[in-house]
Amino acid sequence: MAKLKAPIERPLSPHLQIYRLTLTMLMSIAHRATGILLYFGTILLAMWLISVATGPAYFAFVNDLFSTYLGRLLLLGYTWALLHHMLGGIRHLIWDTGVGFERKTVEILAWTTLIGSIVLTIGVWLMGYWVRGGLS
């Protein structure tokens, strides 16, 4: 009769309570979250493009919808998600070249992604308002 082997004792993976939340972990989570949010934001973009092709009445309806406070907040969030995801992609592209894995460089890239996405979002919106001629 064959002998039954005892299961091999292997170490368990550390639990989440052991890990300390770091900025790079948050940026990884944010990169995934913005990727998901971009799917929903693209529905807004498609809705606007369809309204342009449909006619003036539907276009006016969609523009009125997007000009509400909630509509502008959604567009602001979409802008930030787009820019944050883009900068996160550039960060990953840098890592794909095999550089930037030093602890200090990783932190700098994470802060650059976060601050850069906020600054670029504000810049895009200010430029948009400037081109439009004001806050109306």
N, C-alpha and C. Protein backbone atom coordinates (compact mmCIF):
# COMPACT_ATOMS: atom_id res chain seq x y z
N MET A 1 0.84 -1.17 0.00
CA MET A 1 0.00 0.00 0.00
C MET A 1 0.89 1.24 0.00
N ALA A 2 0.49 2.25 -0.72
CA ALA A 2 1.27 3.49 -0.84
C ALA A 2 1.15 4.31 0.43
N LYS A 3 2.26 4.94 0.78
CA LYS A 3 2.25 5.80 1.95
C LYS A 3 1.66 7.16 1.58
N LEU A 4 0.87 7.70 2.47
CA LEU A 4 0.33 9.05 2.28
C LEU A 4 1.38 10.05 2.76
N LYS A 5 1.68 11.00 1.90
CA LYS A 5 2.64 12.02 2.28
C LYS A 5 1.93 13.12 3.06
N ALA A 6 2.60 13.59 4.07
CA ALA A 6 2.06 14.71 4.84
C ALA A 6 2.13 15.98 3.99
N PRO A 7 1.13 16.83 4.11
CA PRO A 7 1.18 18.07 3.32
C PRO A 7 2.40 18.90 3.70
N ILE A 8 2.95 19.56 2.71
CA ILE A 8 4.12 20.40 2.93
C ILE A 8 3.67 21.67 3.64
N GLU A 9 4.34 21.99 4.74
CA GLU A 9 4.03 23.21 5.48
C GLU A 9 4.68 24.38 4.78
N ARG A 10 3.89 25.28 4.28
CA ARG A 10 4.40 26.46 3.60
C ARG A 10 3.97 27.70 4.38
N PRO A 11 4.76 28.73 4.30
CA PRO A 11 4.36 29.95 5.02
C PRO A 11 3.12 30.57 4.40
N LEU A 12 2.29 31.13 5.24
CA LEU A 12 1.10 31.82 4.75
C LEU A 12 1.47 33.21 4.28
N SER A 13 0.71 33.72 3.34
CA SER A 13 0.93 35.09 2.89
C SER A 13 0.59 36.05 4.04
N PRO A 14 1.33 37.15 4.13
CA PRO A 14 1.00 38.11 5.19
C PRO A 14 -0.40 38.68 4.98
N HIS A 15 -1.04 38.95 6.06
CA HIS A 15 -2.38 39.52 5.99
C HIS A 15 -2.29 41.03 5.80
N LEU A 16 -3.38 41.65 5.41
CA LEU A 16 -3.39 43.08 5.14
C LEU A 16 -3.06 43.90 6.39
N GLN A 17 -3.29 43.33 7.58
CA GLN A 17 -2.99 44.07 8.80
C GLN A 17 -1.49 44.26 8.98
N ILE A 18 -0.68 43.44 8.35
CA ILE A 18 0.76 43.52 8.48
C ILE A 18 1.32 44.65 7.62
N TYR A 19 0.73 44.87 6.46
CA TYR A 19 1.24 45.88 5.55
C TYR A 19 0.88 47.28 6.03
N ARG A 20 1.80 48.21 5.83
CA ARG A 20 1.56 49.63 6.10
C ARG A 20 1.18 50.27 4.77
N LEU A 21 0.08 50.99 4.76
CA LEU A 21 -0.39 51.63 3.52
C LEU A 21 0.60 52.70 3.10
N THR A 22 1.08 52.60 1.87
CA THR A 22 2.05 53.56 1.35
C THR A 22 1.46 54.31 0.17
N LEU A 23 2.14 55.40 -0.20
CA LEU A 23 1.67 56.20 -1.33
C LEU A 23 1.67 55.38 -2.61
N THR A 24 2.68 54.55 -2.81
CA THR A 24 2.72 53.76 -4.05
C THR A 24 1.58 52.75 -4.10
N MET A 25 1.18 52.23 -2.94
CA MET A 25 0.01 51.34 -2.92
C MET A 25 -1.26 52.11 -3.30
N LEU A 26 -1.39 53.32 -2.74
CA LEU A 26 -2.55 54.14 -3.07
C LEU A 26 -2.58 54.51 -4.56
N MET A 27 -1.41 54.80 -5.13
CA MET A 27 -1.35 55.15 -6.55
C MET A 27 -1.70 53.94 -7.42
N SER A 28 -1.32 52.76 -6.97
CA SER A 28 -1.70 51.56 -7.71
C SER A 28 -3.21 51.36 -7.69
N ILE A 29 -3.80 51.55 -6.52
CA ILE A 29 -5.26 51.44 -6.39
C ILE A 29 -5.94 52.54 -7.23
N ALA A 30 -5.41 53.76 -7.15
CA ALA A 30 -5.99 54.88 -7.90
C ALA A 30 -5.88 54.65 -9.40
N HIS A 31 -4.78 54.04 -9.85
CA HIS A 31 -4.62 53.77 -11.28
C HIS A 31 -5.70 52.79 -11.76
N ARG A 32 -5.95 51.78 -10.98
CA ARG A 32 -7.01 50.82 -11.34
C ARG A 32 -8.39 51.48 -11.28
N ALA A 33 -8.61 52.28 -10.23
CA ALA A 33 -9.92 52.94 -10.08
C ALA A 33 -10.17 53.93 -11.21
N THR A 34 -9.15 54.69 -11.60
CA THR A 34 -9.35 55.64 -12.69
C THR A 34 -9.59 54.92 -14.01
N GLY A 35 -8.97 53.77 -14.18
CA GLY A 35 -9.24 52.97 -15.38
C GLY A 35 -10.69 52.55 -15.45
N ILE A 36 -11.25 52.17 -14.32
CA ILE A 36 -12.67 51.80 -14.27
C ILE A 36 -13.55 53.03 -14.51
N LEU A 37 -13.21 54.15 -13.87
CA LEU A 37 -14.00 55.37 -14.03
C LEU A 37 -13.98 55.88 -15.47
N LEU A 38 -12.90 55.62 -16.17
CA LEU A 38 -12.82 56.07 -17.57
C LEU A 38 -13.85 55.36 -18.45
N TYR A 39 -14.18 54.12 -18.11
CA TYR A 39 -15.23 53.44 -18.87
C TYR A 39 -16.54 54.20 -18.76
N PHE A 40 -16.90 54.61 -17.54
CA PHE A 40 -18.16 55.32 -17.35
C PHE A 40 -18.10 56.74 -17.91
N GLY A 41 -16.96 57.38 -17.79
CA GLY A 41 -16.81 58.72 -18.35
C GLY A 41 -16.88 58.73 -19.86
N THR A 42 -16.44 57.66 -20.46
CA THR A 42 -16.48 57.57 -21.92
C THR A 42 -17.93 57.49 -22.40
N ILE A 43 -18.81 56.99 -21.56
CA ILE A 43 -20.25 57.01 -21.90
C ILE A 43 -20.73 58.46 -22.01
N LEU A 44 -20.25 59.32 -21.10
CA LEU A 44 -20.61 60.75 -21.18
C LEU A 44 -20.09 61.37 -22.47
N LEU A 45 -18.84 61.03 -22.81
CA LEU A 45 -18.26 61.55 -24.05
C LEU A 45 -19.04 61.06 -25.26
N ALA A 46 -19.40 59.79 -25.26
CA ALA A 46 -20.19 59.24 -26.37
C ALA A 46 -21.56 59.91 -26.45
N MET A 47 -22.15 60.16 -25.29
CA MET A 47 -23.45 60.82 -25.26
C MET A 47 -23.35 62.22 -25.89
N TRP A 48 -22.27 62.93 -25.57
CA TRP A 48 -22.09 64.27 -26.14
C TRP A 48 -21.86 64.19 -27.64
N LEU A 49 -21.03 63.25 -28.10
CA LEU A 49 -20.77 63.11 -29.54
C LEU A 49 -22.02 62.71 -30.30
N ILE A 50 -22.82 61.84 -29.72
CA ILE A 50 -24.08 61.44 -30.36
C ILE A 50 -25.02 62.64 -30.44
N SER A 51 -25.01 63.47 -29.38
CA SER A 51 -25.89 64.65 -29.41
C SER A 51 -25.47 65.63 -30.50
N VAL A 52 -24.17 65.73 -30.75
CA VAL A 52 -23.70 66.60 -31.84
C VAL A 52 -24.23 66.10 -33.18
N ALA A 53 -24.21 64.80 -33.36
CA ALA A 53 -24.65 64.22 -34.63
C ALA A 53 -26.17 64.17 -34.76
N THR A 54 -26.88 64.18 -33.63
CA THR A 54 -28.33 64.03 -33.67
C THR A 54 -29.06 65.30 -34.09
N GLY A 55 -28.63 66.41 -33.53
CA GLY A 55 -29.30 67.66 -33.91
C GLY A 55 -29.24 68.68 -32.80
N PRO A 56 -29.67 69.90 -33.12
CA PRO A 56 -29.54 71.00 -32.16
C PRO A 56 -30.35 70.82 -30.88
N ALA A 57 -31.51 70.21 -30.97
CA ALA A 57 -32.36 70.08 -29.78
C ALA A 57 -31.71 69.14 -28.76
N TYR A 58 -31.26 67.98 -29.21
CA TYR A 58 -30.62 67.03 -28.30
C TYR A 58 -29.27 67.56 -27.82
N PHE A 59 -28.55 68.27 -28.69
CA PHE A 59 -27.28 68.86 -28.30
C PHE A 59 -27.48 69.90 -27.20
N ALA A 60 -28.52 70.72 -27.32
CA ALA A 60 -28.82 71.72 -26.29
C ALA A 60 -29.19 71.03 -24.97
N PHE A 61 -29.94 69.93 -25.06
CA PHE A 61 -30.33 69.18 -23.86
C PHE A 61 -29.10 68.64 -23.14
N VAL A 62 -28.18 68.02 -23.89
CA VAL A 62 -26.98 67.45 -23.28
C VAL A 62 -26.08 68.55 -22.73
N ASN A 63 -25.94 69.66 -23.45
CA ASN A 63 -25.14 70.77 -22.94
C ASN A 63 -25.74 71.35 -21.66
N ASP A 64 -27.06 71.45 -21.61
CA ASP A 64 -27.72 71.91 -20.38
C ASP A 64 -27.46 70.94 -19.23
N LEU A 65 -27.48 69.65 -19.55
CA LEU A 65 -27.21 68.63 -18.54
C LEU A 65 -25.79 68.74 -18.00
N PHE A 66 -24.84 68.92 -18.89
CA PHE A 66 -23.44 69.03 -18.48
C PHE A 66 -23.11 70.36 -17.83
N SER A 67 -23.95 71.37 -18.00
CA SER A 67 -23.66 72.69 -17.41
C SER A 67 -24.21 72.80 -15.99
N THR A 68 -24.93 71.80 -15.50
CA THR A 68 -25.37 71.82 -14.10
C THR A 68 -24.17 71.57 -13.20
N TYR A 69 -24.33 71.85 -11.91
CA TYR A 69 -23.22 71.62 -10.98
C TYR A 69 -22.82 70.15 -10.94
N LEU A 70 -23.80 69.25 -10.95
CA LEU A 70 -23.50 67.82 -10.96
C LEU A 70 -22.81 67.42 -12.26
N GLY A 71 -23.27 67.97 -13.37
CA GLY A 71 -22.65 67.66 -14.66
C GLY A 71 -21.21 68.14 -14.72
N ARG A 72 -20.97 69.35 -14.22
CA ARG A 72 -19.59 69.87 -14.21
C ARG A 72 -18.71 69.06 -13.27
N LEU A 73 -19.27 68.63 -12.14
CA LEU A 73 -18.51 67.81 -11.21
C LEU A 73 -18.14 66.47 -11.84
N LEU A 74 -19.07 65.87 -12.58
CA LEU A 74 -18.77 64.62 -13.29
C LEU A 74 -17.70 64.83 -14.35
N LEU A 75 -17.79 65.93 -15.08
CA LEU A 75 -16.78 66.22 -16.10
C LEU A 75 -15.41 66.52 -15.48
N LEU A 76 -15.42 67.19 -14.33
CA LEU A 76 -14.17 67.45 -13.62
C LEU A 76 -13.53 66.13 -13.17
N GLY A 77 -14.35 65.24 -12.63
CA GLY A 77 -13.85 63.92 -12.21
C GLY A 77 -13.33 63.12 -13.39
N TYR A 78 -14.02 63.20 -14.51
CA TYR A 78 -13.57 62.49 -15.71
C TYR A 78 -12.24 63.05 -16.20
N THR A 79 -12.10 64.37 -16.16
CA THR A 79 -10.85 65.00 -16.58
C THR A 79 -9.70 64.55 -15.68
N TRP A 80 -9.93 64.57 -14.36
CA TRP A 80 -8.88 64.14 -13.44
C TRP A 80 -8.54 62.66 -13.64
N ALA A 81 -9.56 61.83 -13.79
CA ALA A 81 -9.30 60.40 -13.99
C ALA A 81 -8.50 60.15 -15.26
N LEU A 82 -8.83 60.87 -16.31
CA LEU A 82 -8.11 60.72 -17.58
C LEU A 82 -6.65 61.12 -17.43
N LEU A 83 -6.41 62.27 -16.82
CA LEU A 83 -5.04 62.76 -16.67
C LEU A 83 -4.25 61.92 -15.66
N HIS A 84 -4.89 61.50 -14.58
CA HIS A 84 -4.21 60.66 -13.59
C HIS A 84 -3.84 59.31 -14.19
N HIS A 85 -4.75 58.73 -14.94
CA HIS A 85 -4.49 57.43 -15.57
C HIS A 85 -3.38 57.57 -16.61
N MET A 86 -3.38 58.68 -17.34
CA MET A 86 -2.33 58.91 -18.33
C MET A 86 -0.96 59.02 -17.66
N LEU A 87 -0.87 59.81 -16.59
CA LEU A 87 0.40 59.96 -15.90
C LEU A 87 0.83 58.65 -15.23
N GLY A 88 -0.13 57.89 -14.73
CA GLY A 88 0.19 56.57 -14.18
C GLY A 88 0.71 55.64 -15.26
N GLY A 89 0.15 55.75 -16.46
CA GLY A 89 0.65 54.95 -17.58
C GLY A 89 2.06 55.34 -17.97
N ILE A 90 2.37 56.63 -17.92
CA ILE A 90 3.74 57.08 -18.20
C ILE A 90 4.69 56.55 -17.13
N ARG A 91 4.24 56.55 -15.88
CA ARG A 91 5.06 56.00 -14.78
C ARG A 91 5.35 54.52 -15.03
N HIS A 92 4.35 53.79 -15.45
CA HIS A 92 4.55 52.37 -15.76
C HIS A 92 5.45 52.19 -16.98
N LEU A 93 5.33 53.09 -17.94
CA LEU A 93 6.20 53.02 -19.12
C LEU A 93 7.66 53.23 -18.72
N ILE A 94 7.90 54.15 -17.80
CA ILE A 94 9.25 54.35 -17.29
C ILE A 94 9.75 53.08 -16.62
N TRP A 95 8.90 52.45 -15.83
CA TRP A 95 9.30 51.21 -15.17
C TRP A 95 9.55 50.10 -16.17
N ASP A 96 8.80 50.11 -17.28
CA ASP A 96 8.99 49.08 -18.31
C ASP A 96 10.38 49.15 -18.95
N THR A 97 11.01 50.31 -18.89
CA THR A 97 12.36 50.44 -19.43
C THR A 97 13.40 49.89 -18.46
N GLY A 98 12.98 49.53 -17.26
CA GLY A 98 13.88 48.95 -16.28
C GLY A 98 14.50 49.95 -15.34
N VAL A 99 14.05 51.18 -15.36
CA VAL A 99 14.59 52.20 -14.46
C VAL A 99 13.50 52.71 -13.53
N GLY A 100 13.93 53.40 -12.48
CA GLY A 100 12.98 54.03 -11.58
C GLY A 100 12.48 53.16 -10.46
N PHE A 101 13.19 52.08 -10.14
CA PHE A 101 12.74 51.17 -9.09
C PHE A 101 13.38 51.46 -7.73
N GLU A 102 14.27 52.45 -7.68
CA GLU A 102 14.84 52.80 -6.40
C GLU A 102 13.74 53.39 -5.53
N ARG A 103 13.84 53.17 -4.23
CA ARG A 103 12.78 53.59 -3.31
C ARG A 103 12.47 55.08 -3.45
N LYS A 104 13.50 55.92 -3.51
CA LYS A 104 13.29 57.37 -3.61
C LYS A 104 12.64 57.73 -4.94
N THR A 105 13.07 57.10 -6.03
CA THR A 105 12.52 57.38 -7.35
C THR A 105 11.06 56.95 -7.44
N VAL A 106 10.73 55.83 -6.84
CA VAL A 106 9.35 55.36 -6.84
C VAL A 106 8.45 56.36 -6.12
N GLU A 107 8.92 56.88 -4.99
CA GLU A 107 8.15 57.89 -4.25
C GLU A 107 8.00 59.17 -5.06
N ILE A 108 9.08 59.59 -5.71
CA ILE A 108 9.03 60.81 -6.53
C ILE A 108 8.04 60.64 -7.67
N LEU A 109 8.06 59.49 -8.33
CA LEU A 109 7.13 59.24 -9.43
C LEU A 109 5.68 59.21 -8.94
N ALA A 110 5.46 58.65 -7.76
CA ALA A 110 4.11 58.59 -7.21
C ALA A 110 3.60 60.00 -6.91
N TRP A 111 4.43 60.82 -6.26
CA TRP A 111 4.03 62.19 -5.96
C TRP A 111 3.83 63.00 -7.24
N THR A 112 4.70 62.77 -8.23
CA THR A 112 4.58 63.47 -9.50
C THR A 112 3.26 63.13 -10.18
N THR A 113 2.89 61.86 -10.12
CA THR A 113 1.62 61.43 -10.72
C THR A 113 0.44 62.10 -10.03
N LEU A 114 0.46 62.12 -8.70
CA LEU A 114 -0.65 62.70 -7.95
C LEU A 114 -0.75 64.21 -8.14
N ILE A 115 0.34 64.90 -7.89
CA ILE A 115 0.33 66.36 -8.00
C ILE A 115 0.15 66.79 -9.45
N GLY A 116 0.83 66.10 -10.36
CA GLY A 116 0.71 66.44 -11.78
C GLY A 116 -0.71 66.30 -12.30
N SER A 117 -1.41 65.26 -11.87
CA SER A 117 -2.79 65.08 -12.34
C SER A 117 -3.70 66.19 -11.83
N ILE A 118 -3.48 66.63 -10.60
CA ILE A 118 -4.30 67.71 -10.04
C ILE A 118 -3.99 69.03 -10.75
N VAL A 119 -2.70 69.33 -10.92
CA VAL A 119 -2.30 70.58 -11.57
C VAL A 119 -2.78 70.61 -13.03
N LEU A 120 -2.60 69.50 -13.74
CA LEU A 120 -3.05 69.45 -15.14
C LEU A 120 -4.57 69.58 -15.25
N THR A 121 -5.29 68.97 -14.32
CA THR A 121 -6.76 69.09 -14.34
C THR A 121 -7.19 70.54 -14.15
N ILE A 122 -6.58 71.20 -13.17
CA ILE A 122 -6.90 72.61 -12.95
C ILE A 122 -6.53 73.42 -14.19
N GLY A 123 -5.38 73.13 -14.78
CA GLY A 123 -4.95 73.84 -15.99
C GLY A 123 -5.89 73.65 -17.16
N VAL A 124 -6.33 72.42 -17.37
CA VAL A 124 -7.26 72.14 -18.47
C VAL A 124 -8.57 72.89 -18.25
N TRP A 125 -9.08 72.90 -17.02
CA TRP A 125 -10.35 73.58 -16.76
C TRP A 125 -10.21 75.09 -16.85
N LEU A 126 -9.10 75.63 -16.36
CA LEU A 126 -8.89 77.07 -16.50
C LEU A 126 -8.77 77.46 -17.96
N MET A 127 -8.06 76.66 -18.74
CA MET A 127 -7.93 76.93 -20.17
C MET A 127 -9.30 76.84 -20.85
N GLY A 128 -10.10 75.87 -20.46
CA GLY A 128 -11.44 75.74 -21.03
C GLY A 128 -12.31 76.94 -20.73
N TYR A 129 -12.27 77.40 -19.47
CA TYR A 129 -13.04 78.59 -19.11
C TYR A 129 -12.51 79.83 -19.81
N TRP A 130 -11.19 79.92 -19.96
CA TRP A 130 -10.59 81.07 -20.63
C TRP A 130 -11.02 81.11 -22.10
N VAL A 131 -11.01 79.94 -22.77
CA VAL A 131 -11.42 79.88 -24.18
C VAL A 131 -12.90 80.21 -24.32
N ARG A 132 -13.71 79.74 -23.36
CA ARG A 132 -15.15 80.01 -23.39
C ARG A 132 -15.47 81.47 -23.09
N GLY A 133 -14.57 82.13 -22.39
CA GLY A 133 -14.82 83.54 -22.08
C GLY A 133 -15.36 83.79 -20.69
N GLY A 134 -15.23 82.84 -19.79
CA GLY A 134 -15.67 83.09 -18.41
C GLY A 134 -16.34 81.91 -17.78
N LEU A 135 -16.92 82.13 -16.60
CA LEU A 135 -17.53 81.06 -15.83
C LEU A 135 -19.02 80.87 -16.10
N SER A 136 -19.59 81.60 -16.98
CA SER A 136 -21.05 81.54 -17.20
C SER A 136 -21.53 80.21 -17.68
